[in-house]
Amino acid sequence: MTYDPERHHRKSIRLPGYEYTQAGAYFVTVCTQNRECMFGDVAEGQIALADPGRMVESAWRDLPEHYPGVALDEFVVMPNHLHGIIILVGAGPRACPQGSGRPQGVDGGPGQPQGVAPTLSLPDVVHRFKSLTTARYRREVRDSGWQPFAGRLWQRNYYEHVIRDEDELDRVRQYIAENPLRWDEDPENPEVAQAAGDHRGSPLRPNGGRL
């Protein structure tokens, strides 16, 4: 069965009435258009990033430097998607436990007081990340001969999941860290989606049951 991007796609899953500018921790998955594997390969449970993957990783890692009120926790760049935890600074202890040592950029940058109200919503952060990486990728297609993409680099939608407490945060961290080990069964893997006959969506969707 041919992989069909019209069937094998993730619908936007948003929490009705939830204010996405409020402080908290969010699990985010962003996928390339048509699940094209453009960022690297997985071998023996290890991700080996190509130059485009390293560009995406660098852009994600630099988000807190450019956007006060945004912090990062665990993340991984996979061949055709990125999983990451974004923290809108000011989260309480349930969503952003103290003492973990993992969140980056929590002070919001030089001169920015700790706990400052975030200036960007979660959709704003993801949109800017996608726009930045798309522009950089297009430049490298022109200058360095990177593999071109048709239409857009990223899917229009993305998946988000509100992390509600410390236990869930730890489970999401573990899932992200172990994602390369599960590539052969990952629903984002086009070969897995093709074999299943349908795209099953992110493991954190309500019908996914992984967490």
Protein backbone atom coordinates (compact mmCIF):
# COMPACT_ATOMS: atom_id res chain seq x y z
CA MET A 1 0.00 0.00 0.00
CA THR A 2 1.36 3.43 -0.96
CA TYR A 3 1.84 5.93 1.84
CA ASP A 4 -0.98 8.46 1.47
CA PRO A 5 -0.40 11.82 3.20
CA GLU A 6 -4.12 12.58 3.01
CA ARG A 7 -4.91 9.50 5.12
CA HIS A 8 -1.78 9.19 7.23
CA HIS A 9 -1.88 12.50 9.00
CA ARG A 10 -2.28 13.84 12.51
CA LYS A 11 -5.35 15.89 13.24
CA SER A 12 -4.91 18.86 15.53
CA ILE A 13 -5.69 17.83 19.09
CA ARG A 14 -6.29 20.89 21.23
CA LEU A 15 -7.76 21.03 24.70
CA PRO A 16 -11.09 22.90 24.41
CA GLY A 17 -11.03 26.14 26.33
CA TYR A 18 -7.37 25.77 27.39
CA GLU A 19 -5.36 28.98 27.38
CA TYR A 20 -2.14 28.10 25.60
CA THR A 21 -0.34 31.24 26.76
CA GLN A 22 -0.53 30.16 30.39
CA ALA A 23 2.56 28.79 32.05
CA GLY A 24 3.07 25.06 31.97
CA ALA A 25 4.88 22.17 30.36
CA TYR A 26 3.83 20.77 26.99
CA PHE A 27 4.86 17.69 25.04
CA VAL A 28 5.13 18.68 21.36
CA THR A 29 5.60 16.59 18.22
CA VAL A 30 6.36 18.27 14.90
CA CYS A 31 6.54 16.14 11.72
CA THR A 32 7.89 16.76 8.26
CA GLN A 33 5.47 17.04 5.38
CA ASN A 34 4.45 13.58 4.13
CA ARG A 35 6.66 12.04 6.85
CA GLU A 36 9.71 12.43 4.61
CA CYS A 37 12.85 11.19 6.39
CA MET A 38 15.15 14.17 5.86
CA PHE A 39 17.03 14.58 9.12
CA GLY A 40 19.05 11.39 9.53
CA ASP A 41 18.86 7.66 10.14
CA VAL A 42 18.37 5.30 13.07
CA ALA A 43 20.67 2.30 13.39
CA GLU A 44 20.76 -0.09 16.34
CA GLY A 45 18.66 2.27 18.42
CA GLN A 46 20.88 5.29 17.83
CA ILE A 47 19.93 8.39 15.86
CA ALA A 48 22.60 9.62 13.44
CA LEU A 49 21.67 13.13 12.36
CA ALA A 50 22.56 14.47 8.94
CA ASP A 51 23.28 18.17 8.41
CA PRO A 52 19.55 19.06 8.16
CA GLY A 53 18.89 17.22 11.43
CA ARG A 54 21.71 19.04 13.15
CA MET A 55 20.29 22.35 11.90
CA VAL A 56 16.86 21.47 13.33
CA GLU A 57 18.42 20.39 16.63
CA SER A 58 20.39 23.64 16.89
CA ALA A 59 17.33 25.79 16.12
CA TRP A 60 15.28 23.99 18.77
CA ARG A 61 18.05 24.23 21.36
CA ASP A 62 18.37 27.98 20.74
CA LEU A 63 14.69 28.81 21.31
CA PRO A 64 15.21 30.00 24.92
CA GLU A 65 17.92 32.43 23.77
CA HIS A 66 15.55 34.15 21.36
CA TYR A 67 12.26 34.02 23.26
CA PRO A 68 12.13 35.04 26.93
CA GLY A 69 9.67 32.96 28.87
CA VAL A 70 10.41 29.80 26.87
CA ALA A 71 12.41 26.92 28.34
CA LEU A 72 13.26 23.45 27.08
CA ASP A 73 13.43 20.04 28.69
CA GLU A 74 14.04 16.65 27.06
CA PHE A 75 13.91 16.52 23.24
CA VAL A 76 15.03 14.38 20.32
CA VAL A 77 15.26 14.93 16.58
CA MET A 78 14.22 11.81 14.66
CA PRO A 79 14.50 11.13 10.90
CA ASN A 80 11.17 12.82 10.15
CA HIS A 81 9.94 14.42 13.34
CA LEU A 82 10.90 16.12 16.57
CA HIS A 83 9.64 15.30 20.04
CA GLY A 84 10.23 17.89 22.74
CA ILE A 85 9.03 19.37 26.00
CA ILE A 86 8.45 23.12 25.94
CA ILE A 87 8.00 24.95 29.22
CA LEU A 88 6.32 28.33 29.31
CA VAL A 89 8.11 29.81 32.28
CA GLY A 90 6.13 30.44 35.43
CA ALA A 91 4.85 26.88 35.66
CA GLY A 92 4.02 25.66 39.12
CA PRO A 93 5.68 22.66 40.77
CA ARG A 94 3.18 20.20 39.25
CA ALA A 95 4.21 20.91 35.67
CA CYS A 96 7.78 22.03 36.22
CA PRO A 97 9.23 20.33 39.29
CA GLN A 98 12.18 21.93 40.97
CA GLY A 99 15.52 20.26 41.34
CA SER A 100 15.46 18.20 38.13
CA GLY A 101 18.24 20.27 36.61
CA ARG A 102 16.88 19.61 33.12
CA PRO A 103 14.88 22.66 32.00
CA GLN A 104 17.01 25.09 29.98
CA GLY A 105 16.53 28.84 29.81
CA VAL A 106 14.22 29.07 32.81
CA ASP A 107 15.48 32.54 33.73
CA GLY A 108 14.33 33.80 30.36
CA GLY A 109 17.71 35.23 29.38
CA PRO A 110 19.88 38.08 30.72
CA GLY A 111 17.93 40.73 32.53
CA GLN A 112 14.76 38.68 32.52
CA PRO A 113 13.50 37.90 36.05
CA GLN A 114 12.78 34.31 36.93
CA GLY A 115 9.10 33.45 36.66
CA VAL A 116 8.37 36.23 34.15
CA ALA A 117 5.05 35.86 32.35
CA PRO A 118 5.57 34.27 28.92
CA THR A 119 5.24 36.62 25.96
CA LEU A 120 4.51 33.91 23.39
CA SER A 121 1.83 31.26 23.23
CA LEU A 122 2.72 27.65 22.50
CA PRO A 123 1.42 27.92 18.89
CA ASP A 124 3.55 31.05 18.44
CA VAL A 125 6.69 29.22 19.58
CA VAL A 126 6.07 26.25 17.29
CA HIS A 127 5.21 28.50 14.35
CA ARG A 128 8.41 30.51 14.73
CA PHE A 129 10.49 27.35 15.04
CA LYS A 130 8.97 25.94 11.86
CA SER A 131 9.40 29.21 9.97
CA LEU A 132 13.04 29.58 11.05
CA THR A 133 14.02 26.03 10.16
CA THR A 134 12.19 26.20 6.85
CA ALA A 135 14.07 29.36 5.87
CA ARG A 136 17.41 27.84 6.88
CA TYR A 137 16.66 24.62 5.03
CA ARG A 138 15.74 26.48 1.83
CA ARG A 139 18.99 28.42 2.03
CA GLU A 140 20.99 25.21 2.32
CA VAL A 141 19.12 23.65 -0.60
CA ARG A 142 20.38 26.56 -2.65
CA ASP A 143 23.88 26.84 -1.18
CA SER A 144 24.76 23.27 -0.13
CA GLY A 145 22.64 21.00 -2.28
CA TRP A 146 20.41 19.65 0.49
CA GLN A 147 17.53 17.42 -0.57
CA PRO A 148 14.70 19.74 -1.70
CA PHE A 149 11.24 19.42 -0.24
CA ALA A 150 7.97 19.81 -2.08
CA GLY A 151 5.69 22.57 -0.88
CA ARG A 152 6.56 22.83 2.80
CA LEU A 153 9.15 21.34 5.14
CA TRP A 154 6.79 20.73 8.07
CA GLN A 155 3.22 19.58 8.33
CA ARG A 156 0.82 22.43 8.94
CA ASN A 157 -0.43 20.95 12.20
CA TYR A 158 1.47 19.56 15.16
CA TYR A 159 0.63 17.48 18.20
CA GLU A 160 0.61 18.92 21.71
CA HIS A 161 -0.14 17.37 25.08
CA VAL A 162 -0.42 19.26 28.35
CA ILE A 163 1.83 17.70 31.00
CA ARG A 164 -0.19 17.82 34.18
CA ASP A 165 2.12 16.56 36.92
CA GLU A 166 5.63 15.38 37.75
CA ASP A 167 4.89 11.69 37.17
CA GLU A 168 3.62 12.41 33.69
CA LEU A 169 6.63 14.64 33.03
CA ASP A 170 8.95 11.76 33.90
CA ARG A 171 7.02 9.38 31.62
CA VAL A 172 7.22 11.81 28.72
CA ARG A 173 10.94 12.34 29.31
CA GLN A 174 11.48 8.59 29.22
CA TYR A 175 9.42 8.20 26.06
CA ILE A 176 11.43 10.92 24.30
CA ALA A 177 14.78 9.54 25.44
CA GLU A 178 13.87 6.03 24.28
CA ASN A 179 12.29 7.08 20.98
CA PRO A 180 15.27 6.01 18.82
CA LEU A 181 15.10 2.53 20.37
CA ARG A 182 11.47 2.25 19.21
CA TRP A 183 11.93 3.52 15.66
CA ASP A 184 11.10 0.14 14.15
CA GLU A 185 7.64 0.34 15.76
CA ASP A 186 7.22 4.12 15.76
CA PRO A 187 3.92 5.23 14.14
CA GLU A 188 5.82 8.19 12.68
CA ASN A 189 8.03 5.76 10.73
CA PRO A 190 6.58 5.66 7.18
CA GLU A 191 7.34 1.94 6.89
CA VAL A 192 5.35 1.24 10.06
CA ALA A 193 2.44 3.38 8.86
CA GLN A 194 2.45 1.66 5.50
CA ALA A 195 2.49 -1.82 7.05
CA ALA A 196 -0.37 -0.86 9.39
CA GLY A 197 -2.48 0.44 6.52
CA ASP A 198 -3.17 3.64 8.37
CA HIS A 199 -1.31 6.28 10.38
CA ARG A 200 -2.05 5.60 14.03
CA GLY A 201 -0.96 8.99 15.33
CA SER A 202 1.27 9.95 18.20
CA PRO A 203 1.56 7.47 21.10
CA LEU A 204 0.27 10.22 23.38
CA ARG A 205 -3.03 10.60 21.57
CA PRO A 206 -6.03 9.46 23.63
CA ASN A 207 -6.33 6.27 21.58
CA GLY A 208 -2.59 5.60 21.60
CA GLY A 209 -2.30 4.27 25.11
CA ARG A 210 1.47 4.33 25.35
CA LEU A 211 1.61 6.59 28.40
